[in-house]
C-alpha atoms as a PDB file:
ATOM      1  CA  MET A   1     -62.753 -55.089   2.817  1.00  0.00           C
ATOM      2  CA  THR A   2     -61.011 -58.344   1.989  1.00  0.00           C
ATOM      3  CA  SER A   3     -59.934 -60.449   4.944  1.00  0.00           C
ATOM      4  CA  SER A   4     -56.402 -61.634   5.462  1.00  0.00           C
ATOM      5  CA  TYR A   5     -57.598 -65.244   5.522  1.00  0.00           C
ATOM      6  CA  ARG A   6     -55.102 -67.520   3.831  1.00  0.00           C
ATOM      7  CA  ILE A   7     -57.222 -69.892   1.745  1.00  0.00           C
ATOM      8  CA  VAL A   8     -56.281 -73.245   0.249  1.00  0.00           C
ATOM      9  CA  PHE A   9     -58.805 -74.158  -2.462  1.00  0.00           C
ATOM     10  CA  MET A  10     -59.478 -77.806  -3.326  1.00  0.00           C
ATOM     11  CA  GLY A  11     -61.523 -78.610  -6.434  1.00  0.00           C
ATOM     12  CA  THR A  12     -61.292 -80.372  -9.767  1.00  0.00           C
ATOM     13  CA  PRO A  13     -64.110 -80.210 -12.391  1.00  0.00           C
ATOM     14  CA  GLN A  14     -65.888 -77.359 -14.119  1.00  0.00           C
ATOM     15  CA  PHE A  15     -68.422 -77.219 -11.285  1.00  0.00           C
ATOM     16  CA  ALA A  16     -65.666 -75.934  -8.970  1.00  0.00           C
ATOM     17  CA  VAL A  17     -64.453 -73.203 -11.335  1.00  0.00           C
ATOM     18  CA  PRO A  18     -67.064 -70.486 -10.573  1.00  0.00           C
ATOM     19  CA  THR A  19     -66.302 -70.631  -6.846  1.00  0.00           C
ATOM     20  CA  LEU A  20     -62.584 -70.167  -7.483  1.00  0.00           C
ATOM     21  CA  GLU A  21     -63.326 -67.363  -9.942  1.00  0.00           C
ATOM     22  CA  TYR A  22     -65.573 -65.592  -7.402  1.00  0.00           C
ATOM     23  CA  LEU A  23     -62.811 -65.835  -4.775  1.00  0.00           C
ATOM     24  CA  LEU A  24     -60.286 -64.333  -7.165  1.00  0.00           C
ATOM     25  CA  ALA A  25     -62.665 -61.603  -8.377  1.00  0.00           C
ATOM     26  CA  HIS A  26     -63.242 -60.566  -4.746  1.00  0.00           C
ATOM     27  CA  GLN A  27     -59.487 -60.542  -4.110  1.00  0.00           C
ATOM     28  CA  GLU A  28     -59.586 -63.282  -1.528  1.00  0.00           C
ATOM     29  CA  ASN A  29     -56.137 -64.565  -0.567  1.00  0.00           C
ATOM     30  CA  VAL A  30     -56.013 -67.963  -2.295  1.00  0.00           C
ATOM     31  CA  VAL A  31     -52.486 -69.133  -1.472  1.00  0.00           C
ATOM     32  CA  ALA A  32     -52.663 -72.545  -3.168  1.00  0.00           C
ATOM     33  CA  VAL A  33     -54.958 -74.749  -5.217  1.00  0.00           C
ATOM     34  CA  VAL A  34     -55.139 -78.533  -4.847  1.00  0.00           C
ATOM     35  CA  THR A  35     -56.635 -80.513  -7.695  1.00  0.00           C
ATOM     36  CA  GLN A  36     -56.594 -84.008  -9.177  1.00  0.00           C
ATOM     37  CA  PRO A  37     -53.727 -85.122 -11.441  1.00  0.00           C
ATOM     38  CA  ASP A  38     -54.016 -84.507 -15.198  1.00  0.00           C
ATOM     39  CA  ARG A  39     -55.949 -87.311 -16.928  1.00  0.00           C
ATOM     40  CA  PRO A  40     -56.131 -88.619 -20.509  1.00  0.00           C
ATOM     41  CA  ALA A  41     -59.211 -87.237 -22.277  1.00  0.00           C
ATOM     42  CA  GLY A  42     -60.811 -87.178 -25.731  1.00  0.00           C
ATOM     43  CA  ARG A  43     -60.365 -89.534 -28.638  1.00  0.00           C
ATOM     44  CA  GLY A  44     -56.633 -88.975 -28.688  1.00  0.00           C
ATOM     45  CA  ARG A  45     -56.398 -89.654 -24.922  1.00  0.00           C
ATOM     46  CA  LYS A  46     -54.273 -86.553 -24.569  1.00  0.00           C
ATOM     47  CA  LEU A  47     -53.166 -85.721 -21.033  1.00  0.00           C
ATOM     48  CA  THR A  48     -55.553 -82.929 -19.988  1.00  0.00           C
ATOM     49  CA  PRO A  49     -55.430 -80.667 -16.907  1.00  0.00           C
ATOM     50  CA  PRO A  50     -58.516 -80.305 -14.699  1.00  0.00           C
ATOM     51  CA  PRO A  51     -60.510 -77.085 -15.329  1.00  0.00           C
ATOM     52  CA  VAL A  52     -59.570 -75.759 -11.874  1.00  0.00           C
ATOM     53  CA  LYS A  53     -55.861 -76.099 -12.660  1.00  0.00           C
ATOM     54  CA  VAL A  54     -56.247 -74.033 -15.823  1.00  0.00           C
ATOM     55  CA  VAL A  55     -57.875 -71.167 -13.888  1.00  0.00           C
ATOM     56  CA  ALA A  56     -55.366 -71.332 -11.043  1.00  0.00           C
ATOM     57  CA  GLU A  57     -52.337 -71.283 -13.321  1.00  0.00           C
ATOM     58  CA  GLY A  58     -53.839 -68.391 -15.266  1.00  0.00           C
ATOM     59  CA  ALA A  59     -54.043 -66.471 -12.001  1.00  0.00           C
ATOM     60  CA  GLY A  60     -50.487 -67.372 -10.995  1.00  0.00           C
ATOM     61  CA  ILE A  61     -51.553 -69.493  -7.996  1.00  0.00           C
ATOM     62  CA  PRO A  62     -49.406 -72.485  -6.974  1.00  0.00           C
ATOM     63  CA  VAL A  63     -51.083 -75.766  -7.991  1.00  0.00           C
ATOM     64  CA  LEU A  64     -50.646 -79.059  -6.138  1.00  0.00           C
ATOM     65  CA  GLN A  65     -51.709 -82.352  -7.760  1.00  0.00           C
ATOM     66  CA  PRO A  66     -50.922 -85.086  -5.236  1.00  0.00           C
ATOM     67  CA  LYS A  67     -51.498 -88.740  -6.042  1.00  0.00           C
ATOM     68  CA  SER A  68     -52.568 -89.162  -2.418  1.00  0.00           C
ATOM     69  CA  ILE A  69     -53.829 -86.634   0.126  1.00  0.00           C
ATOM     70  CA  LYS A  70     -53.528 -89.075   3.033  1.00  0.00           C
ATOM     71  CA  THR A  71     -49.769 -88.823   3.526  1.00  0.00           C
ATOM     72  CA  ASP A  72     -47.738 -86.968   6.114  1.00  0.00           C
ATOM     73  CA  GLU A  73     -45.810 -85.344   3.285  1.00  0.00           C
ATOM     74  CA  PHE A  74     -48.938 -83.804   1.758  1.00  0.00           C
ATOM     75  CA  LEU A  75     -50.215 -82.634   5.139  1.00  0.00           C
ATOM     76  CA  ALA A  76     -46.866 -80.944   5.786  1.00  0.00           C
ATOM     77  CA  GLU A  77     -46.998 -79.338   2.339  1.00  0.00           C
ATOM     78  CA  ILE A  78     -50.424 -77.810   3.072  1.00  0.00           C
ATOM     79  CA  GLU A  79     -49.337 -76.821   6.579  1.00  0.00           C
ATOM     80  CA  ALA A  80     -46.465 -74.852   5.059  1.00  0.00           C
ATOM     81  CA  TYR A  81     -49.016 -72.551   3.397  1.00  0.00           C
ATOM     82  CA  LYS A  82     -50.392 -71.666   6.865  1.00  0.00           C
ATOM     83  CA  PRO A  83     -54.049 -71.796   5.750  1.00  0.00           C
ATOM     84  CA  ASP A  84     -56.734 -70.150   7.857  1.00  0.00           C
ATOM     85  CA  LEU A  85     -59.367 -71.934   5.830  1.00  0.00           C
ATOM     86  CA  ILE A  86     -59.670 -74.744   3.293  1.00  0.00           C
ATOM     87  CA  ILE A  87     -62.514 -74.442   0.784  1.00  0.00           C
ATOM     88  CA  VAL A  88     -63.548 -77.638  -1.017  1.00  0.00           C
ATOM     89  CA  VAL A  89     -65.724 -77.871  -4.136  1.00  0.00           C
ATOM     90  CA  ALA A  90     -66.112 -81.235  -5.903  1.00  0.00           C
ATOM     91  CA  PHE A  91     -62.523 -82.246  -5.210  1.00  0.00           C
ATOM     92  CA  GLY A  92     -63.261 -85.909  -5.817  1.00  0.00           C
ATOM     93  CA  ARG A  93     -61.646 -87.577  -2.802  1.00  0.00           C
ATOM     94  CA  ILE A  94     -62.478 -88.092   0.864  1.00  0.00           C
ATOM     95  CA  LEU A  95     -60.420 -85.744   3.034  1.00  0.00           C
ATOM     96  CA  PRO A  96     -58.657 -87.206   6.086  1.00  0.00           C
ATOM     97  CA  LYS A  97     -59.408 -85.720   9.507  1.00  0.00           C
ATOM     98  CA  PRO A  98     -55.921 -84.204  10.042  1.00  0.00           C
ATOM     99  CA  LEU A  99     -56.355 -82.202   6.845  1.00  0.00           C
ATOM    100  CA  ILE A 100     -59.930 -81.159   7.680  1.00  0.00           C
ATOM    101  CA  ASP A 101     -58.863 -79.929  11.103  1.00  0.00           C
ATOM    102  CA  LEU A 102     -55.648 -78.206   9.983  1.00  0.00           C
ATOM    103  CA  PRO A 103     -56.863 -74.591   9.377  1.00  0.00           C
ATOM    104  CA  ARG A 104     -57.923 -72.475  12.348  1.00  0.00           C
ATOM    105  CA  HIS A 105     -61.350 -71.921  10.735  1.00  0.00           C
ATOM    106  CA  GLY A 106     -61.580 -75.540   9.616  1.00  0.00           C
ATOM    107  CA  THR A 107     -62.578 -76.804   6.194  1.00  0.00           C
ATOM    108  CA  ILE A 108     -65.803 -75.792   4.447  1.00  0.00           C
ATOM    109  CA  ASN A 109     -67.466 -77.456   1.517  1.00  0.00           C
ATOM    110  CA  VAL A 110     -69.734 -76.190  -1.271  1.00  0.00           C
ATOM    111  CA  HIS A 111     -72.283 -79.004  -1.660  1.00  0.00           C
ATOM    112  CA  ALA A 112     -74.867 -79.017  -4.465  1.00  0.00           C
ATOM    113  CA  SER A 113     -77.999 -79.810  -2.480  1.00  0.00           C
ATOM    114  CA  LEU A 114     -80.104 -78.510   0.368  1.00  0.00           C
ATOM    115  CA  LEU A 115     -78.661 -80.669   3.116  1.00  0.00           C
ATOM    116  CA  PRO A 116     -79.494 -82.998   4.710  1.00  0.00           C
ATOM    117  CA  LYS A 117     -81.165 -84.059   1.450  1.00  0.00           C
ATOM    118  CA  TYR A 118     -78.953 -85.689  -1.165  1.00  0.00           C
ATOM    119  CA  ARG A 119     -75.749 -86.395   0.678  1.00  0.00           C
ATOM    120  CA  GLY A 120     -73.241 -87.977  -1.680  1.00  0.00           C
ATOM    121  CA  ALA A 121     -71.615 -87.797  -5.077  1.00  0.00           C
ATOM    122  CA  ALA A 122     -74.582 -87.160  -7.406  1.00  0.00           C
ATOM    123  CA  PRO A 123     -76.982 -84.706  -5.689  1.00  0.00           C
ATOM    124  CA  ILE A 124     -77.838 -82.771  -8.861  1.00  0.00           C
ATOM    125  CA  GLN A 125     -78.781 -85.876 -10.828  1.00  0.00           C
ATOM    126  CA  TRP A 126     -80.921 -87.353  -8.048  1.00  0.00           C
ATOM    127  CA  ALA A 127     -82.793 -84.100  -7.472  1.00  0.00           C
ATOM    128  CA  LEU A 128     -83.868 -84.240 -11.135  1.00  0.00           C
ATOM    129  CA  ILE A 129     -84.563 -87.979 -11.138  1.00  0.00           C
ATOM    130  CA  ASN A 130     -86.843 -87.507  -8.136  1.00  0.00           C
ATOM    131  CA  ASN A 131     -88.625 -84.539  -9.746  1.00  0.00           C
ATOM    132  CA  GLU A 132     -87.821 -82.056  -7.003  1.00  0.00           C
ATOM    133  CA  ALA A 133     -89.354 -78.616  -7.503  1.00  0.00           C
ATOM    134  CA  ALA A 134     -86.261 -76.922  -6.090  1.00  0.00           C
ATOM    135  CA  THR A 135     -82.725 -77.637  -4.999  1.00  0.00           C
ATOM    136  CA  GLY A 136     -79.759 -75.524  -4.010  1.00  0.00           C
ATOM    137  CA  VAL A 137     -76.309 -75.257  -2.512  1.00  0.00           C
ATOM    138  CA  THR A 138     -75.226 -75.679   1.095  1.00  0.00           C
ATOM    139  CA  ILE A 139     -72.049 -74.163   2.488  1.00  0.00           C
ATOM    140  CA  MET A 140     -71.148 -76.647   5.208  1.00  0.00           C
ATOM    141  CA  GLN A 141     -68.451 -77.277   7.799  1.00  0.00           C
ATOM    142  CA  MET A 142     -66.731 -80.504   6.832  1.00  0.00           C
ATOM    143  CA  ASP A 143     -66.295 -83.450   9.155  1.00  0.00           C
ATOM    144  CA  GLU A 144     -65.283 -87.070   8.552  1.00  0.00           C
ATOM    145  CA  GLY A 145     -68.783 -88.151   7.504  1.00  0.00           C
ATOM    146  CA  LEU A 146     -70.397 -88.120   4.068  1.00  0.00           C
ATOM    147  CA  ASP A 147     -71.733 -84.548   3.884  1.00  0.00           C
ATOM    148  CA  THR A 148     -72.809 -84.762   7.536  1.00  0.00           C
ATOM    149  CA  GLY A 149     -71.139 -81.585   8.820  1.00  0.00           C
ATOM    150  CA  ASP A 150     -72.889 -78.519  10.218  1.00  0.00           C
ATOM    151  CA  ILE A 151     -74.784 -76.240   7.838  1.00  0.00           C
ATOM    152  CA  LEU A 152     -73.335 -72.734   7.585  1.00  0.00           C
ATOM    153  CA  LEU A 153     -75.258 -71.116   4.732  1.00  0.00           C
ATOM    154  CA  PRO A 154     -77.891 -72.630   2.389  1.00  0.00           C
ATOM    155  CA  GLY A 155     -79.286 -71.143  -0.817  1.00  0.00           C
ATOM    156  CA  ALA A 156     -82.166 -72.468  -2.925  1.00  0.00           C
ATOM    157  CA  ILE A 157     -83.191 -72.184  -6.597  1.00  0.00           C
ATOM    158  CA  PRO A 158     -86.169 -73.604  -8.519  1.00  0.00           C
ATOM    159  CA  ILE A 159     -85.660 -76.449 -10.973  1.00  0.00           C
ATOM    160  CA  ALA A 160     -86.945 -75.607 -14.463  1.00  0.00           C
ATOM    161  CA  ALA A 161     -89.043 -78.118 -16.392  1.00  0.00           C
ATOM    162  CA  ASP A 162     -86.335 -78.420 -19.049  1.00  0.00           C
ATOM    163  CA  ASP A 163     -83.318 -78.515 -16.729  1.00  0.00           C
ATOM    164  CA  THR A 164     -80.819 -81.334 -17.231  1.00  0.00           C
ATOM    165  CA  SER A 165     -78.011 -82.254 -14.875  1.00  0.00           C
ATOM    166  CA  GLU A 166     -75.725 -80.163 -17.090  1.00  0.00           C
ATOM    167  CA  THR A 167     -77.829 -76.973 -17.066  1.00  0.00           C
ATOM    168  CA  LEU A 168     -78.714 -77.319 -13.395  1.00  0.00           C
ATOM    169  CA  ALA A 169     -75.071 -77.879 -12.462  1.00  0.00           C
ATOM    170  CA  ALA A 170     -74.124 -74.619 -14.176  1.00  0.00           C
ATOM    171  CA  LYS A 171     -76.766 -72.713 -12.180  1.00  0.00           C
ATOM    172  CA  LEU A 172     -75.719 -74.318  -8.902  1.00  0.00           C
ATOM    173  CA  ALA A 173     -72.024 -73.741  -9.574  1.00  0.00           C
ATOM    174  CA  ASP A 174     -72.678 -70.019  -9.956  1.00  0.00           C
ATOM    175  CA  LEU A 175     -74.869 -69.997  -6.848  1.00  0.00           C
ATOM    176  CA  GLY A 176     -72.099 -71.749  -4.915  1.00  0.00           C
ATOM    177  CA  GLY A 177     -69.634 -69.040  -5.877  1.00  0.00           C
ATOM    178  CA  LYS A 178     -71.983 -66.302  -4.703  1.00  0.00           C
ATOM    179  CA  LEU A 179     -72.717 -68.101  -1.429  1.00  0.00           C
ATOM    180  CA  ILE A 180     -69.056 -68.640  -0.570  1.00  0.00           C
ATOM    181  CA  ILE A 181     -68.432 -64.886  -0.839  1.00  0.00           C
ATOM    182  CA  LYS A 182     -71.420 -64.213   1.412  1.00  0.00           C
ATOM    183  CA  ALA A 183     -70.227 -66.884   3.864  1.00  0.00           C
ATOM    184  CA  LEU A 184     -66.744 -65.354   4.064  1.00  0.00           C
ATOM    185  CA  ALA A 185     -68.231 -61.936   4.740  1.00  0.00           C
ATOM    186  CA  ARG A 186     -70.311 -63.362   7.581  1.00  0.00           C
ATOM    187  CA  LEU A 187     -67.326 -65.266   8.939  1.00  0.00           C
ATOM    188  CA  ARG A 188     -65.383 -62.000   9.209  1.00  0.00           C
ATOM    189  CA  GLU A 189     -68.311 -60.477  11.085  1.00  0.00           C
ATOM    190  CA  GLY A 190     -68.538 -63.453  13.437  1.00  0.00           C
ATOM    191  CA  ASN A 191     -72.013 -64.113  12.036  1.00  0.00           C
ATOM    192  CA  LEU A 192     -71.749 -67.595  10.509  1.00  0.00           C
ATOM    193  CA  PRO A 193     -73.229 -69.870  13.186  1.00  0.00           C
ATOM    194  CA  PRO A 194     -73.268 -73.614  12.480  1.00  0.00           C
ATOM    195  CA  THR A 195     -76.557 -75.553  12.465  1.00  0.00           C
ATOM    196  CA  LYS A 196     -76.630 -79.285  13.084  1.00  0.00           C
ATOM    197  CA  GLN A 197     -78.180 -81.383  10.341  1.00  0.00           C
ATOM    198  CA  ASN A 198     -81.293 -83.395  11.100  1.00  0.00           C
ATOM    199  CA  ASP A 199     -80.082 -86.898  10.292  1.00  0.00           C
ATOM    200  CA  ALA A 200     -83.664 -88.199  10.306  1.00  0.00           C
ATOM    201  CA  GLU A 201     -84.348 -86.129   7.163  1.00  0.00           C
ATOM    202  CA  ALA A 202     -81.195 -87.223   5.337  1.00  0.00           C
ATOM    203  CA  THR A 203     -81.324 -88.839   1.904  1.00  0.00           C
ATOM    204  CA  LEU A 204     -78.460 -90.221  -0.164  1.00  0.00           C
ATOM    205  CA  ALA A 205     -77.319 -89.398  -3.692  1.00  0.00           C
ATOM    206  CA  PRO A 206     -74.993 -92.255  -4.671  1.00  0.00           C
ATOM    207  CA  LEU A 207     -72.950 -92.451  -7.841  1.00  0.00           C
ATOM    208  CA  LEU A 208     -74.952 -93.416 -10.920  1.00  0.00           C
ATOM    209  CA  CYS A 209     -74.370 -96.371 -13.209  1.00  0.00           C
ATOM    210  CA  LYS A 210     -75.454 -97.026 -16.790  1.00  0.00           C
ATOM    211  CA  GLN A 211     -77.917 -99.724 -15.719  1.00  0.00           C
ATOM    212  CA  GLU A 212     -80.048 -97.086 -13.981  1.00  0.00           C
ATOM    213  CA  GLY A 213     -80.688 -95.436 -17.337  1.00  0.00           C
ATOM    214  CA  ILE A 214     -82.828 -98.244 -18.767  1.00  0.00           C
ATOM    215  CA  ILE A 215     -86.344 -96.823 -19.150  1.00  0.00           C
ATOM    216  CA  ASP A 216     -89.323 -98.661 -17.689  1.00  0.00           C
ATOM    217  CA  TRP A 217     -92.298 -97.499 -19.759  1.00  0.00           C
ATOM    218  CA  GLN A 218     -94.707 -98.711 -17.048  1.00  0.00           C
ATOM    219  CA  LYS A 219     -93.634 -95.690 -14.990  1.00  0.00           C
ATOM    220  CA  SER A 220     -95.320 -92.323 -15.387  1.00  0.00           C
ATOM    221  CA  ALA A 221     -94.237 -89.725 -17.932  1.00  0.00           C
ATOM    222  CA  ASP A 222     -93.154 -87.500 -15.015  1.00  0.00           C
ATOM    223  CA  GLU A 223     -90.870 -90.194 -13.628  1.00  0.00           C
ATOM    224  CA  ILE A 224     -89.357 -91.011 -17.011  1.00  0.00           C
ATOM    225  CA  SER A 225     -88.842 -87.332 -17.825  1.00  0.00           C
ATOM    226  CA  GLY A 226     -86.992 -86.852 -14.539  1.00  0.00           C
ATOM    227  CA  LEU A 227     -84.783 -89.845 -15.277  1.00  0.00           C
ATOM    228  CA  ILE A 228     -83.922 -88.633 -18.790  1.00  0.00           C
ATOM    229  CA  ARG A 229     -83.072 -85.115 -17.618  1.00  0.00           C
ATOM    230  CA  GLY A 230     -81.161 -86.326 -14.578  1.00  0.00           C
ATOM    231  CA  LEU A 231     -78.967 -88.628 -16.653  1.00  0.00           C
ATOM    232  CA  ASP A 232     -78.280 -86.068 -19.410  1.00  0.00           C
ATOM    233  CA  PRO A 233     -75.436 -85.865 -20.449  1.00  0.00           C
ATOM    234  CA  TRP A 234     -74.196 -88.934 -18.489  1.00  0.00           C
ATOM    235  CA  PRO A 235     -74.819 -91.836 -18.221  1.00  0.00           C
ATOM    236  CA  THR A 236     -77.973 -91.112 -20.318  1.00  0.00           C
ATOM    237  CA  ALA A 237     -81.368 -92.807 -20.319  1.00  0.00           C
ATOM    238  CA  SER A 238     -82.228 -95.263 -23.080  1.00  0.00           C
ATOM    239  CA  THR A 239     -84.730 -97.707 -24.495  1.00  0.00           C
ATOM    240  CA  THR A 240     -84.549-100.068 -27.459  1.00  0.00           C
ATOM    241  CA  ILE A 241     -85.996 -99.877 -30.949  1.00  0.00           C
ATOM    242  CA  ASP A 242     -85.790-102.844 -33.328  1.00  0.00           C
ATOM    243  CA  GLY A 243     -83.217-104.379 -30.995  1.00  0.00           C
ATOM    244  CA  GLU A 244     -80.942-101.311 -30.975  1.00  0.00           C
ATOM    245  CA  GLN A 245     -80.235 -99.034 -28.037  1.00  0.00           C
ATOM    246  CA  LEU A 246     -81.852 -95.616 -28.421  1.00  0.00           C
ATOM    247  CA  LYS A 247     -80.867 -92.812 -26.058  1.00  0.00           C
ATOM    248  CA  LEU A 248     -83.563 -90.240 -25.348  1.00  0.00           C
ATOM    249  CA  PHE A 249     -83.218 -86.505 -24.650  1.00  0.00           C
ATOM    250  CA  LYS A 250     -85.331 -83.353 -24.294  1.00  0.00           C
ATOM    251  CA  PRO A 251     -88.498 -84.873 -22.826  1.00  0.00           C
ATOM    252  CA  SER A 252     -91.718 -83.129 -21.928  1.00  0.00           C
ATOM    253  CA  VAL A 253     -94.906 -84.475 -20.392  1.00  0.00           C
ATOM    254  CA  ARG A 254     -98.208 -84.388 -22.265  1.00  0.00           C
ATOM    255  CA  PRO A 255    -101.295 -85.171 -20.151  1.00  0.00           C
ATOM    256  CA  GLY A 256    -103.778 -87.643 -21.530  1.00  0.00           C
ATOM    257  CA  GLU A 257    -105.522 -91.002 -21.129  1.00  0.00           C
ATOM    258  CA  GLU A 258    -103.652 -93.999 -22.526  1.00  0.00           C
ATOM    259  CA  THR A 259    -105.358 -96.671 -24.595  1.00  0.00           C
ATOM    260  CA  ASP A 260    -102.152 -98.200 -25.989  1.00  0.00           C
ATOM    261  CA  PRO A 261     -99.640-100.255 -23.961  1.00  0.00           C
ATOM    262  CA  PRO A 262     -96.806 -98.280 -22.326  1.00  0.00           C
ATOM    263  CA  GLY A 263     -93.879 -97.813 -24.703  1.00  0.00           C
ATOM    264  CA  THR A 264     -96.110 -97.505 -27.771  1.00  0.00           C
ATOM    265  CA  VAL A 265     -95.291 -94.723 -30.231  1.00  0.00           C
ATOM    266  CA  ILE A 266     -98.460 -92.656 -30.678  1.00  0.00           C
ATOM    267  CA  ARG A 267     -97.026 -90.130 -33.103  1.00  0.00           C
ATOM    268  CA  ALA A 268     -93.688 -89.651 -34.876  1.00  0.00           C
ATOM    269  CA  ASP A 269     -93.086 -86.421 -36.754  1.00  0.00           C
ATOM    270  CA  LYS A 270     -90.794 -83.382 -36.814  1.00  0.00           C
ATOM    271  CA  ASN A 271     -92.248 -82.206 -33.495  1.00  0.00           C
ATOM    272  CA  GLY A 272     -91.090 -85.323 -31.667  1.00  0.00           C
ATOM    273  CA  LEU A 273     -91.927 -88.859 -30.623  1.00  0.00           C
ATOM    274  CA  LEU A 274     -95.123 -89.066 -28.573  1.00  0.00           C
ATOM    275  CA  ILE A 275     -94.959 -92.205 -26.456  1.00  0.00           C
ATOM    276  CA  ALA A 276     -97.486 -93.852 -24.155  1.00  0.00           C
ATOM    277  CA  THR A 277     -96.340 -94.461 -20.564  1.00  0.00           C
ATOM    278  CA  GLY A 278     -97.866 -95.839 -17.375  1.00  0.00           C
ATOM    279  CA  GLN A 279     -99.462 -92.403 -16.877  1.00  0.00           C
ATOM    280  CA  ASP A 280     -99.754 -89.604 -19.452  1.00  0.00           C
ATOM    281  CA  PHE A 281     -97.627 -89.286 -22.588  1.00  0.00           C
ATOM    282  CA  LEU A 282     -93.975 -88.404 -23.087  1.00  0.00           C
ATOM    283  CA  LEU A 283     -92.783 -86.247 -25.978  1.00  0.00           C
ATOM    284  CA  ILE A 284     -89.145 -86.801 -26.984  1.00  0.00           C
ATOM    285  CA  ARG A 285     -87.408 -84.247 -29.205  1.00  0.00           C
ATOM    286  CA  GLU A 286     -83.842 -85.601 -29.455  1.00  0.00           C
ATOM    287  CA  VAL A 287     -82.433 -89.120 -29.726  1.00  0.00           C
ATOM    288  CA  GLN A 288     -79.174 -90.959 -30.374  1.00  0.00           C
ATOM    289  CA  LEU A 289     -78.368 -94.423 -31.686  1.00  0.00           C
ATOM    290  CA  ALA A 290     -75.136 -96.050 -30.541  1.00  0.00           C
ATOM    291  CA  CYS A 291     -73.630 -95.628 -34.008  1.00  0.00           C
ATOM    292  CA  CYS A 292     -74.686 -92.011 -34.494  1.00  0.00           C
ATOM    293  CA  LYS A 293     -74.471 -88.577 -32.972  1.00  0.00           C
ATOM    294  CA  ARG A 294     -77.251 -86.960 -30.968  1.00  0.00           C
ATOM    295  CA  MET A 295     -79.850 -85.418 -33.277  1.00  0.00           C
ATOM    296  CA  SER A 296     -83.332 -83.955 -33.508  1.00  0.00           C
ATOM    297  CA  ILE A 297     -86.267 -86.276 -34.100  1.00  0.00           C
ATOM    298  CA  GLU A 298     -86.785 -84.654 -37.503  1.00  0.00           C
ATOM    299  CA  ALA A 299     -83.224 -85.539 -38.556  1.00  0.00           C
ATOM    300  CA  PHE A 300     -83.508 -89.006 -37.067  1.00  0.00           C
ATOM    301  CA  LEU A 301     -86.777 -89.846 -38.850  1.00  0.00           C
ATOM    302  CA  ALA A 302     -85.248 -88.906 -42.198  1.00  0.00           C
ATOM    303  CA  GLY A 303     -83.041 -91.998 -41.988  1.00  0.00           C
ATOM    304  CA  HIS A 304     -84.944 -94.137 -39.483  1.00  0.00           C
ATOM    305  CA  PRO A 305     -88.711 -94.060 -40.086  1.00  0.00           C
ATOM    306  CA  ILE A 306     -90.867 -94.864 -37.057  1.00  0.00           C
ATOM    307  CA  LYS A 307     -94.531 -95.704 -37.454  1.00  0.00           C
ATOM    308  CA  PRO A 308     -97.295 -95.113 -34.882  1.00  0.00           C
ATOM    309  CA  GLY A 309     -97.983 -98.322 -33.014  1.00  0.00           C
ATOM    310  CA  GLN A 310     -94.315 -99.349 -32.874  1.00  0.00           C
ATOM    311  CA  ARG A 311     -93.201-100.480 -29.416  1.00  0.00           C
ATOM    312  CA  LEU A 312     -90.089 -99.259 -27.610  1.00  0.00           C
ATOM    313  CA  GLY A 313     -88.220-101.221 -24.994  1.00  0.00           C
END
């Protein structure tokens, strides 16, 4: 049976869409959706609505796109909807305390990590960069801190060897939608007890910058593979070849003893670039020059021959 909870949903990117769709599919009472303002996107810089707005409007739900959420006017606007609960998924702004505390059941967040690990804006990317075997989603009670609120319901999934931040985000977004439905069911039953986070075990997942994508070939193949997958599709990991930036994608680790300096191309054929690292070898199957689109190694080699022994970086 669906509760009578009046829910205000706050989210912006594609990652937030599955949670909203799960709420709607289970006939939860979403009375309003708050999302970021439309932004210019694409080559034509056309004003584009956030993915969450598209879903909400398709379902006939009122959409709010405030320039600021820290005003008395916005707080009054949300208060007028009489929410019992605010659900937040990748909204993109820090919520003020008066807004967090407004609903009678508070504000809960769908966070893409197993808290207290990876608090912050880029938990999916850092889980990959650090070669975690698993990650997950935590339904948490929000407070004023950075993902420091009480844990309500965690859920874990394994990380596949070929996962990128894009593929892993899709898996976690779906998991988040399933967990929020389970959390609401438990809340109705009075069976959603909060658990304090252990701050001593906390790690941070700060925003990424392009500089972090520069590959150090002295590192192990495992470390470099994690970096490449974690930064795919943005901001991407890269090296240089003949003075040009070369972005690398689709890595896999090949065990072996190195006799050539790290960054040396051992083999270059249709199966990929085999490159020496600080430990083991790295096979790369897709690349991209700044002037070109992303392509397979086979397509790349047709116009840009690479010989064994050539150094990258």
